[in-house]
C-alpha atoms as a PDB file:
ATOM      1  CA  UNK A   1      71.903 135.377 178.988  1.00  0.00           C
ATOM      2  CA  UNK A   2      75.491 134.647 180.004  1.00  0.00           C
ATOM      3  CA  UNK A   3      77.021 131.246 179.276  1.00  0.00           C
ATOM      4  CA  UNK A   4      79.690 129.463 181.314  1.00  0.00           C
ATOM      5  CA  UNK A   5      81.545 126.191 180.934  1.00  0.00           C
ATOM      6  CA  UNK A   6      82.397 123.658 183.623  1.00  0.00           C
ATOM      7  CA  UNK A   7      83.701 120.093 183.573  1.00  0.00           C
ATOM      8  CA  UNK A   8      81.103 117.250 183.637  1.00  0.00           C
ATOM      9  CA  UNK A   9      82.338 116.197 187.082  1.00  0.00           C
ATOM     10  CA  UNK A  10      81.035 119.525 188.434  1.00  0.00           C
ATOM     11  CA  UNK A  11      77.458 118.840 187.358  1.00  0.00           C
ATOM     12  CA  UNK A  12      74.864 116.612 189.045  1.00  0.00           C
ATOM     13  CA  UNK A  13      71.204 116.098 188.205  1.00  0.00           C
ATOM     14  CA  UNK A  14      70.207 119.050 190.380  1.00  0.00           C
ATOM     15  CA  UNK A  15      73.120 121.481 190.551  1.00  0.00           C
ATOM     16  CA  UNK A  16      76.334 122.667 188.956  1.00  0.00           C
ATOM     17  CA  UNK A  17      79.528 124.258 190.185  1.00  0.00           C
ATOM     18  CA  UNK A  18      81.563 126.968 188.453  1.00  0.00           C
ATOM     19  CA  UNK A  19      85.217 127.327 189.426  1.00  0.00           C
ATOM     20  CA  UNK A  20      88.331 129.212 188.387  1.00  0.00           C
ATOM     21  CA  UNK A  21      88.537 132.601 186.681  1.00  0.00           C
ATOM     22  CA  UNK A  22      84.829 132.637 185.853  1.00  0.00           C
ATOM     23  CA  UNK A  23      83.949 133.033 189.530  1.00  0.00           C
ATOM     24  CA  UNK A  24      85.612 136.437 189.800  1.00  0.00           C
ATOM     25  CA  UNK A  25      84.195 137.401 186.420  1.00  0.00           C
ATOM     26  CA  UNK A  26      80.682 136.560 187.618  1.00  0.00           C
ATOM     27  CA  UNK A  27      80.681 138.584 190.829  1.00  0.00           C
ATOM     28  CA  UNK A  28      83.173 141.346 190.074  1.00  0.00           C
ATOM     29  CA  UNK A  29      82.796 142.087 186.349  1.00  0.00           C
ATOM     30  CA  UNK A  30      79.309 140.942 185.401  1.00  0.00           C
ATOM     31  CA  UNK A  31      78.014 141.607 188.930  1.00  0.00           C
ATOM     32  CA  UNK A  32      75.578 138.709 188.720  1.00  0.00           C
ATOM     33  CA  UNK A  33      73.669 137.900 191.879  1.00  0.00           C
ATOM     34  CA  UNK A  34      71.806 135.027 193.462  1.00  0.00           C
ATOM     35  CA  UNK A  35      68.567 134.232 191.647  1.00  0.00           C
ATOM     36  CA  UNK A  36      69.828 135.308 188.226  1.00  0.00           C
ATOM     37  CA  UNK A  37      69.670 132.820 185.365  1.00  0.00           C
ATOM     38  CA  UNK A  38      72.629 131.629 183.298  1.00  0.00           C
ATOM     39  CA  UNK A  39      73.432 128.902 180.770  1.00  0.00           C
ATOM     40  CA  UNK A  40      75.848 126.190 181.946  1.00  0.00           C
ATOM     41  CA  UNK A  41      77.681 124.003 179.416  1.00  0.00           C
ATOM     42  CA  UNK A  42      79.395 120.746 180.450  1.00  0.00           C
ATOM     43  CA  UNK A  43      82.271 121.209 177.938  1.00  0.00           C
ATOM     44  CA  UNK A  44      80.824 118.340 175.891  1.00  0.00           C
ATOM     45  CA  UNK A  45      77.997 120.193 174.193  1.00  0.00           C
ATOM     46  CA  UNK A  46      75.221 119.632 176.756  1.00  0.00           C
ATOM     47  CA  UNK A  47      73.688 122.801 178.148  1.00  0.00           C
ATOM     48  CA  UNK A  48      71.436 123.629 181.084  1.00  0.00           C
ATOM     49  CA  UNK A  49      69.317 126.577 182.090  1.00  0.00           C
ATOM     50  CA  UNK A  50      70.375 127.377 185.657  1.00  0.00           C
ATOM     51  CA  UNK A  51      69.728 129.790 188.485  1.00  0.00           C
ATOM     52  CA  UNK A  52      72.549 131.090 190.659  1.00  0.00           C
ATOM     53  CA  UNK A  53      72.151 129.694 194.169  1.00  0.00           C
ATOM     54  CA  UNK A  54      75.250 131.008 195.932  1.00  0.00           C
ATOM     55  CA  UNK A  55      78.415 132.952 195.152  1.00  0.00           C
ATOM     56  CA  UNK A  56      81.700 132.892 197.068  1.00  0.00           C
ATOM     57  CA  UNK A  57      85.181 133.975 196.061  1.00  0.00           C
ATOM     58  CA  UNK A  58      86.089 130.371 195.186  1.00  0.00           C
ATOM     59  CA  UNK A  59      82.947 128.958 193.547  1.00  0.00           C
ATOM     60  CA  UNK A  60      79.507 129.627 192.179  1.00  0.00           C
ATOM     61  CA  UNK A  61      76.774 127.065 192.841  1.00  0.00           C
ATOM     62  CA  UNK A  62      73.799 126.973 190.479  1.00  0.00           C
ATOM     63  CA  UNK A  63      70.503 125.090 190.540  1.00  0.00           C
ATOM     64  CA  UNK A  64      69.686 123.249 187.334  1.00  0.00           C
ATOM     65  CA  UNK A  65      66.233 124.231 186.064  1.00  0.00           C
ATOM     66  CA  UNK A  66      66.197 122.209 182.859  1.00  0.00           C
ATOM     67  CA  UNK A  67      68.364 120.593 180.234  1.00  0.00           C
ATOM     68  CA  UNK A  68      68.269 122.609 177.028  1.00  0.00           C
ATOM     69  CA  UNK A  69      67.608 121.060 173.644  1.00  0.00           C
ATOM     70  CA  UNK A  70      69.866 123.447 171.794  1.00  0.00           C
ATOM     71  CA  UNK A  71      72.998 123.027 169.738  1.00  0.00           C
ATOM     72  CA  UNK A  72      74.803 125.972 168.155  1.00  0.00           C
ATOM     73  CA  UNK A  73      77.298 123.775 166.295  1.00  0.00           C
ATOM     74  CA  UNK A  74      77.422 123.495 162.524  1.00  0.00           C
ATOM     75  CA  UNK A  75      76.756 120.212 160.751  1.00  0.00           C
ATOM     76  CA  UNK A  76      80.268 120.414 159.300  1.00  0.00           C
ATOM     77  CA  UNK A  77      83.396 120.034 161.421  1.00  0.00           C
ATOM     78  CA  UNK A  78      86.250 122.149 160.092  1.00  0.00           C
ATOM     79  CA  UNK A  79      89.780 121.088 161.029  1.00  0.00           C
ATOM     80  CA  UNK A  80      92.113 124.023 160.386  1.00  0.00           C
ATOM     81  CA  UNK A  81      95.718 123.022 159.774  1.00  0.00           C
ATOM     82  CA  UNK A  82      97.482 126.356 159.972  1.00  0.00           C
ATOM     83  CA  UNK A  83     101.018 126.928 158.716  1.00  0.00           C
ATOM     84  CA  UNK A  84     102.672 128.264 161.847  1.00  0.00           C
ATOM     85  CA  UNK A  85     102.722 132.072 161.656  1.00  0.00           C
ATOM     86  CA  UNK A  86     105.004 134.551 163.348  1.00  0.00           C
ATOM     87  CA  UNK A  87     104.206 136.769 166.301  1.00  0.00           C
ATOM     88  CA  UNK A  88     100.712 136.906 167.760  1.00  0.00           C
ATOM     89  CA  UNK A  89      98.892 136.023 164.534  1.00  0.00           C
ATOM     90  CA  UNK A  90      97.756 132.653 165.865  1.00  0.00           C
ATOM     91  CA  UNK A  91      95.740 134.512 168.510  1.00  0.00           C
ATOM     92  CA  UNK A  92      93.596 136.138 165.825  1.00  0.00           C
ATOM     93  CA  UNK A  93      93.290 132.893 163.867  1.00  0.00           C
ATOM     94  CA  UNK A  94      91.997 131.006 166.901  1.00  0.00           C
ATOM     95  CA  UNK A  95      89.642 133.778 168.022  1.00  0.00           C
ATOM     96  CA  UNK A  96      87.973 134.367 164.660  1.00  0.00           C
ATOM     97  CA  UNK A  97      88.071 130.710 163.667  1.00  0.00           C
ATOM     98  CA  UNK A  98      86.231 129.821 166.862  1.00  0.00           C
ATOM     99  CA  UNK A  99      83.545 132.412 166.129  1.00  0.00           C
ATOM    100  CA  UNK A 100      83.111 130.903 162.665  1.00  0.00           C
ATOM    101  CA  UNK A 101      82.683 127.358 163.943  1.00  0.00           C
ATOM    102  CA  UNK A 102      86.120 125.788 163.414  1.00  0.00           C
ATOM    103  CA  UNK A 103      86.167 122.426 165.217  1.00  0.00           C
ATOM    104  CA  UNK A 104      89.905 122.276 165.971  1.00  0.00           C
ATOM    105  CA  UNK A 105      93.159 124.073 165.171  1.00  0.00           C
ATOM    106  CA  UNK A 106      96.362 122.225 164.311  1.00  0.00           C
ATOM    107  CA  UNK A 107      99.517 124.383 163.982  1.00  0.00           C
ATOM    108  CA  UNK A 108     101.558 122.914 161.120  1.00  0.00           C
ATOM    109  CA  UNK A 109     105.201 123.076 160.073  1.00  0.00           C
ATOM    110  CA  UNK A 110     105.663 123.452 156.309  1.00  0.00           C
ATOM    111  CA  UNK A 111     108.793 124.193 154.253  1.00  0.00           C
ATOM    112  CA  UNK A 112     108.550 127.945 154.582  1.00  0.00           C
ATOM    113  CA  UNK A 113     107.893 128.004 158.325  1.00  0.00           C
ATOM    114  CA  UNK A 114     110.848 129.324 160.304  1.00  0.00           C
ATOM    115  CA  UNK A 115     112.166 126.214 162.092  1.00  0.00           C
ATOM    116  CA  UNK A 116     112.828 128.278 165.218  1.00  0.00           C
ATOM    117  CA  UNK A 117     109.092 128.861 165.602  1.00  0.00           C
ATOM    118  CA  UNK A 118     108.447 125.223 166.471  1.00  0.00           C
ATOM    119  CA  UNK A 119     110.766 125.354 169.454  1.00  0.00           C
ATOM    120  CA  UNK A 120     109.327 128.677 170.559  1.00  0.00           C
ATOM    121  CA  UNK A 121     105.704 127.637 170.172  1.00  0.00           C
ATOM    122  CA  UNK A 122     104.598 127.076 173.745  1.00  0.00           C
ATOM    123  CA  UNK A 123     101.322 128.931 173.698  1.00  0.00           C
ATOM    124  CA  UNK A 124      98.762 126.108 173.816  1.00  0.00           C
ATOM    125  CA  UNK A 125      97.342 127.092 177.206  1.00  0.00           C
ATOM    126  CA  UNK A 126      97.016 130.701 176.086  1.00  0.00           C
ATOM    127  CA  UNK A 127      95.479 129.784 172.733  1.00  0.00           C
ATOM    128  CA  UNK A 128      93.021 127.357 174.285  1.00  0.00           C
ATOM    129  CA  UNK A 129      92.019 130.127 176.685  1.00  0.00           C
ATOM    130  CA  UNK A 130      91.403 132.409 173.695  1.00  0.00           C
ATOM    131  CA  UNK A 131      89.261 129.672 172.140  1.00  0.00           C
ATOM    132  CA  UNK A 132      87.264 129.358 175.375  1.00  0.00           C
ATOM    133  CA  UNK A 133      86.599 133.103 175.611  1.00  0.00           C
ATOM    134  CA  UNK A 134      85.613 133.281 171.933  1.00  0.00           C
ATOM    135  CA  UNK A 135      83.374 130.276 172.522  1.00  0.00           C
ATOM    136  CA  UNK A 136      81.528 132.096 175.315  1.00  0.00           C
ATOM    137  CA  UNK A 137      81.149 135.249 173.247  1.00  0.00           C
ATOM    138  CA  UNK A 138      79.829 133.438 170.168  1.00  0.00           C
ATOM    139  CA  UNK A 139      77.678 131.022 172.227  1.00  0.00           C
ATOM    140  CA  UNK A 140      79.297 127.911 170.798  1.00  0.00           C
ATOM    141  CA  UNK A 141      78.205 124.563 172.238  1.00  0.00           C
ATOM    142  CA  UNK A 142      81.624 122.924 171.849  1.00  0.00           C
ATOM    143  CA  UNK A 143      84.999 124.404 172.794  1.00  0.00           C
ATOM    144  CA  UNK A 144      87.431 123.890 169.889  1.00  0.00           C
ATOM    145  CA  UNK A 145      90.871 122.564 170.801  1.00  0.00           C
ATOM    146  CA  UNK A 146      94.238 123.975 169.769  1.00  0.00           C
ATOM    147  CA  UNK A 147      96.424 120.906 169.336  1.00  0.00           C
ATOM    148  CA  UNK A 148     100.162 120.318 169.424  1.00  0.00           C
ATOM    149  CA  UNK A 149     102.275 121.331 166.431  1.00  0.00           C
ATOM    150  CA  UNK A 150     102.546 118.711 163.663  1.00  0.00           C
ATOM    151  CA  UNK A 151     104.926 118.513 160.720  1.00  0.00           C
ATOM    152  CA  UNK A 152     103.848 118.479 157.061  1.00  0.00           C
ATOM    153  CA  UNK A 153     103.798 114.694 156.692  1.00  0.00           C
ATOM    154  CA  UNK A 154     101.759 114.254 159.878  1.00  0.00           C
ATOM    155  CA  UNK A 155      99.280 116.838 158.629  1.00  0.00           C
ATOM    156  CA  UNK A 156      98.858 114.981 155.333  1.00  0.00           C
ATOM    157  CA  UNK A 157      98.245 111.696 157.166  1.00  0.00           C
ATOM    158  CA  UNK A 158      95.392 113.315 159.098  1.00  0.00           C
ATOM    159  CA  UNK A 159      94.016 115.343 156.208  1.00  0.00           C
ATOM    160  CA  UNK A 160      93.742 112.485 153.737  1.00  0.00           C
ATOM    161  CA  UNK A 161      91.227 110.766 156.021  1.00  0.00           C
ATOM    162  CA  UNK A 162      88.862 113.753 155.955  1.00  0.00           C
ATOM    163  CA  UNK A 163      85.638 113.743 153.937  1.00  0.00           C
ATOM    164  CA  UNK A 164      86.952 116.798 152.129  1.00  0.00           C
ATOM    165  CA  UNK A 165      90.551 118.062 152.027  1.00  0.00           C
ATOM    166  CA  UNK A 166      91.099 121.649 150.835  1.00  0.00           C
ATOM    167  CA  UNK A 167      94.268 123.655 150.315  1.00  0.00           C
ATOM    168  CA  UNK A 168      94.098 127.387 149.683  1.00  0.00           C
ATOM    169  CA  UNK A 169      96.843 128.301 147.206  1.00  0.00           C
ATOM    170  CA  UNK A 170      97.567 131.727 145.781  1.00  0.00           C
ATOM    171  CA  UNK A 171      98.593 130.292 142.370  1.00  0.00           C
ATOM    172  CA  UNK A 172      95.455 128.195 141.921  1.00  0.00           C
ATOM    173  CA  UNK A 173      93.275 129.547 139.126  1.00  0.00           C
ATOM    174  CA  UNK A 174      89.641 129.171 138.104  1.00  0.00           C
ATOM    175  CA  UNK A 175      88.761 126.637 140.800  1.00  0.00           C
ATOM    176  CA  UNK A 176      87.306 127.891 144.031  1.00  0.00           C
ATOM    177  CA  UNK A 177      84.422 127.175 146.392  1.00  0.00           C
ATOM    178  CA  UNK A 178      81.809 127.893 143.705  1.00  0.00           C
ATOM    179  CA  UNK A 179      83.429 125.397 141.338  1.00  0.00           C
ATOM    180  CA  UNK A 180      83.635 122.859 144.148  1.00  0.00           C
ATOM    181  CA  UNK A 181      79.920 123.191 144.968  1.00  0.00           C
ATOM    182  CA  UNK A 182      79.002 122.951 141.278  1.00  0.00           C
ATOM    183  CA  UNK A 183      81.077 119.785 141.030  1.00  0.00           C
ATOM    184  CA  UNK A 184      79.174 118.291 143.965  1.00  0.00           C
ATOM    185  CA  UNK A 185      75.860 119.056 142.293  1.00  0.00           C
ATOM    186  CA  UNK A 186      76.921 117.706 138.912  1.00  0.00           C
ATOM    187  CA  UNK A 187      78.067 114.446 140.494  1.00  0.00           C
ATOM    188  CA  UNK A 188      75.033 114.186 142.820  1.00  0.00           C
ATOM    189  CA  UNK A 189      77.251 114.321 145.915  1.00  0.00           C
ATOM    190  CA  UNK A 190      75.058 114.867 148.956  1.00  0.00           C
ATOM    191  CA  UNK A 191      76.501 117.782 150.871  1.00  0.00           C
ATOM    192  CA  UNK A 192      74.888 116.663 154.121  1.00  0.00           C
ATOM    193  CA  UNK A 193      77.058 113.551 154.043  1.00  0.00           C
ATOM    194  CA  UNK A 194      80.202 115.665 154.369  1.00  0.00           C
ATOM    195  CA  UNK A 195      81.083 115.869 158.059  1.00  0.00           C
ATOM    196  CA  UNK A 196      84.818 116.438 158.480  1.00  0.00           C
ATOM    197  CA  UNK A 197      86.503 119.071 156.307  1.00  0.00           C
ATOM    198  CA  UNK A 198      90.239 119.616 156.521  1.00  0.00           C
ATOM    199  CA  UNK A 199      91.752 122.968 155.544  1.00  0.00           C
ATOM    200  CA  UNK A 200      95.475 123.482 155.082  1.00  0.00           C
ATOM    201  CA  UNK A 201      96.716 127.081 155.036  1.00  0.00           C
ATOM    202  CA  UNK A 202     100.292 127.998 154.222  1.00  0.00           C
ATOM    203  CA  UNK A 203     102.452 130.236 156.426  1.00  0.00           C
ATOM    204  CA  UNK A 204     103.900 133.599 155.446  1.00  0.00           C
ATOM    205  CA  UNK A 205     105.453 132.960 152.050  1.00  0.00           C
ATOM    206  CA  UNK A 206     102.957 130.255 151.126  1.00  0.00           C
ATOM    207  CA  UNK A 207     103.702 126.733 149.890  1.00  0.00           C
ATOM    208  CA  UNK A 208     106.536 125.301 147.842  1.00  0.00           C
ATOM    209  CA  UNK A 209     105.373 123.988 144.466  1.00  0.00           C
ATOM    210  CA  UNK A 210     106.616 120.517 145.456  1.00  0.00           C
ATOM    211  CA  UNK A 211     104.320 120.596 148.495  1.00  0.00           C
ATOM    212  CA  UNK A 212     101.330 121.471 146.326  1.00  0.00           C
ATOM    213  CA  UNK A 213     102.070 118.598 143.955  1.00  0.00           C
ATOM    214  CA  UNK A 214     102.331 116.153 146.848  1.00  0.00           C
ATOM    215  CA  UNK A 215      99.088 117.450 148.338  1.00  0.00           C
ATOM    216  CA  UNK A 216      97.354 117.029 144.989  1.00  0.00           C
ATOM    217  CA  UNK A 217      98.631 113.440 144.764  1.00  0.00           C
ATOM    218  CA  UNK A 218      97.184 112.763 148.233  1.00  0.00           C
ATOM    219  CA  UNK A 219      93.724 113.853 147.141  1.00  0.00           C
ATOM    220  CA  UNK A 220      93.675 117.511 148.154  1.00  0.00           C
ATOM    221  CA  UNK A 221      91.524 119.936 146.222  1.00  0.00           C
ATOM    222  CA  UNK A 222      93.709 122.945 145.513  1.00  0.00           C
ATOM    223  CA  UNK A 223      91.514 126.024 145.454  1.00  0.00           C
ATOM    224  CA  UNK A 224      91.726 129.757 145.004  1.00  0.00           C
ATOM    225  CA  UNK A 225      90.164 132.289 147.378  1.00  0.00           C
ATOM    226  CA  UNK A 226      89.990 134.924 144.633  1.00  0.00           C
ATOM    227  CA  UNK A 227      92.171 137.425 142.826  1.00  0.00           C
ATOM    228  CA  UNK A 228      93.494 139.115 145.942  1.00  0.00           C
ATOM    229  CA  UNK A 229      96.223 137.483 148.020  1.00  0.00           C
ATOM    230  CA  UNK A 230      95.165 137.051 151.639  1.00  0.00           C
ATOM    231  CA  UNK A 231      97.531 137.001 154.582  1.00  0.00           C
ATOM    232  CA  UNK A 232      98.030 133.693 156.358  1.00  0.00           C
ATOM    233  CA  UNK A 233      96.073 134.944 159.376  1.00  0.00           C
ATOM    234  CA  UNK A 234      93.136 135.912 157.124  1.00  0.00           C
ATOM    235  CA  UNK A 235      92.945 132.971 154.727  1.00  0.00           C
ATOM    236  CA  UNK A 236      91.870 130.271 157.181  1.00  0.00           C
ATOM    237  CA  UNK A 237      88.851 131.939 158.696  1.00  0.00           C
ATOM    238  CA  UNK A 238      87.864 133.360 155.283  1.00  0.00           C
ATOM    239  CA  UNK A 239      87.743 129.835 153.881  1.00  0.00           C
ATOM    240  CA  UNK A 240      85.921 128.642 157.004  1.00  0.00           C
ATOM    241  CA  UNK A 241      83.295 131.357 156.494  1.00  0.00           C
ATOM    242  CA  UNK A 242      82.803 130.361 152.845  1.00  0.00           C
ATOM    243  CA  UNK A 243      82.390 126.716 153.791  1.00  0.00           C
ATOM    244  CA  UNK A 244      79.962 127.506 156.583  1.00  0.00           C
ATOM    245  CA  UNK A 245      77.903 129.595 154.172  1.00  0.00           C
ATOM    246  CA  UNK A 246      77.818 126.985 151.417  1.00  0.00           C
ATOM    247  CA  UNK A 247      77.698 123.780 153.495  1.00  0.00           C
ATOM    248  CA  UNK A 248      77.061 124.765 157.098  1.00  0.00           C
ATOM    249  CA  UNK A 249      74.850 127.141 159.036  1.00  0.00           C
ATOM    250  CA  UNK A 250      76.259 130.613 158.339  1.00  0.00           C
ATOM    251  CA  UNK A 251      73.769 133.056 156.883  1.00  0.00           C
ATOM    252  CA  UNK A 252      70.640 131.585 158.399  1.00  0.00           C
ATOM    253  CA  UNK A 253      67.728 130.204 156.421  1.00  0.00           C
END
């Protein structure tokens, strides 16, 4: 069943309204018709089973059948601070990260990020659109946000307040996700208490050693993702997948 998102102001107790690009997609691409059922999400995680009542070129009106008691979000909220990459790599990061349950994306300026990229980075509307489309495809209940670019110090200020603060580093040895989970178990840390997990991924070229030392001082756990060096556009959603498997809902029961 197809899922669509609309703002809360477009939903009443009995009906909902779909506007924008989804209207054309409904009647021209999906060729849905009156009487067909869809899922409508209010962009805040609440979903309804609906029946299409009418379709015009400007709006789709649906009748609300029932509110659904369903939530496809993980119990962990992953905040991905991504060292700003070149080209279109952020598109892939946002798309795959959304599929894997990332809660929000924060493009980050680190020492090895080309300074020119910050001035050129004006893709938030595009990236948030990618997140929305990936959200529909993966049947997420919440649309993750792509936030404004932050610098390294701002990222640290946000990350240090997380329940868990991880940095993937190519020179880290013998301490990865398995070691982290074992440490939790040995210290009787309840994994269900961990809600917000911050991930910091370096850009092309990785981190400066001074950055890693500062991150360690601020409480970051510096981890390895294995013997093979991953590209910046691969590392973030790989780590997200590992976390969702160990602490979240990836892999099923």
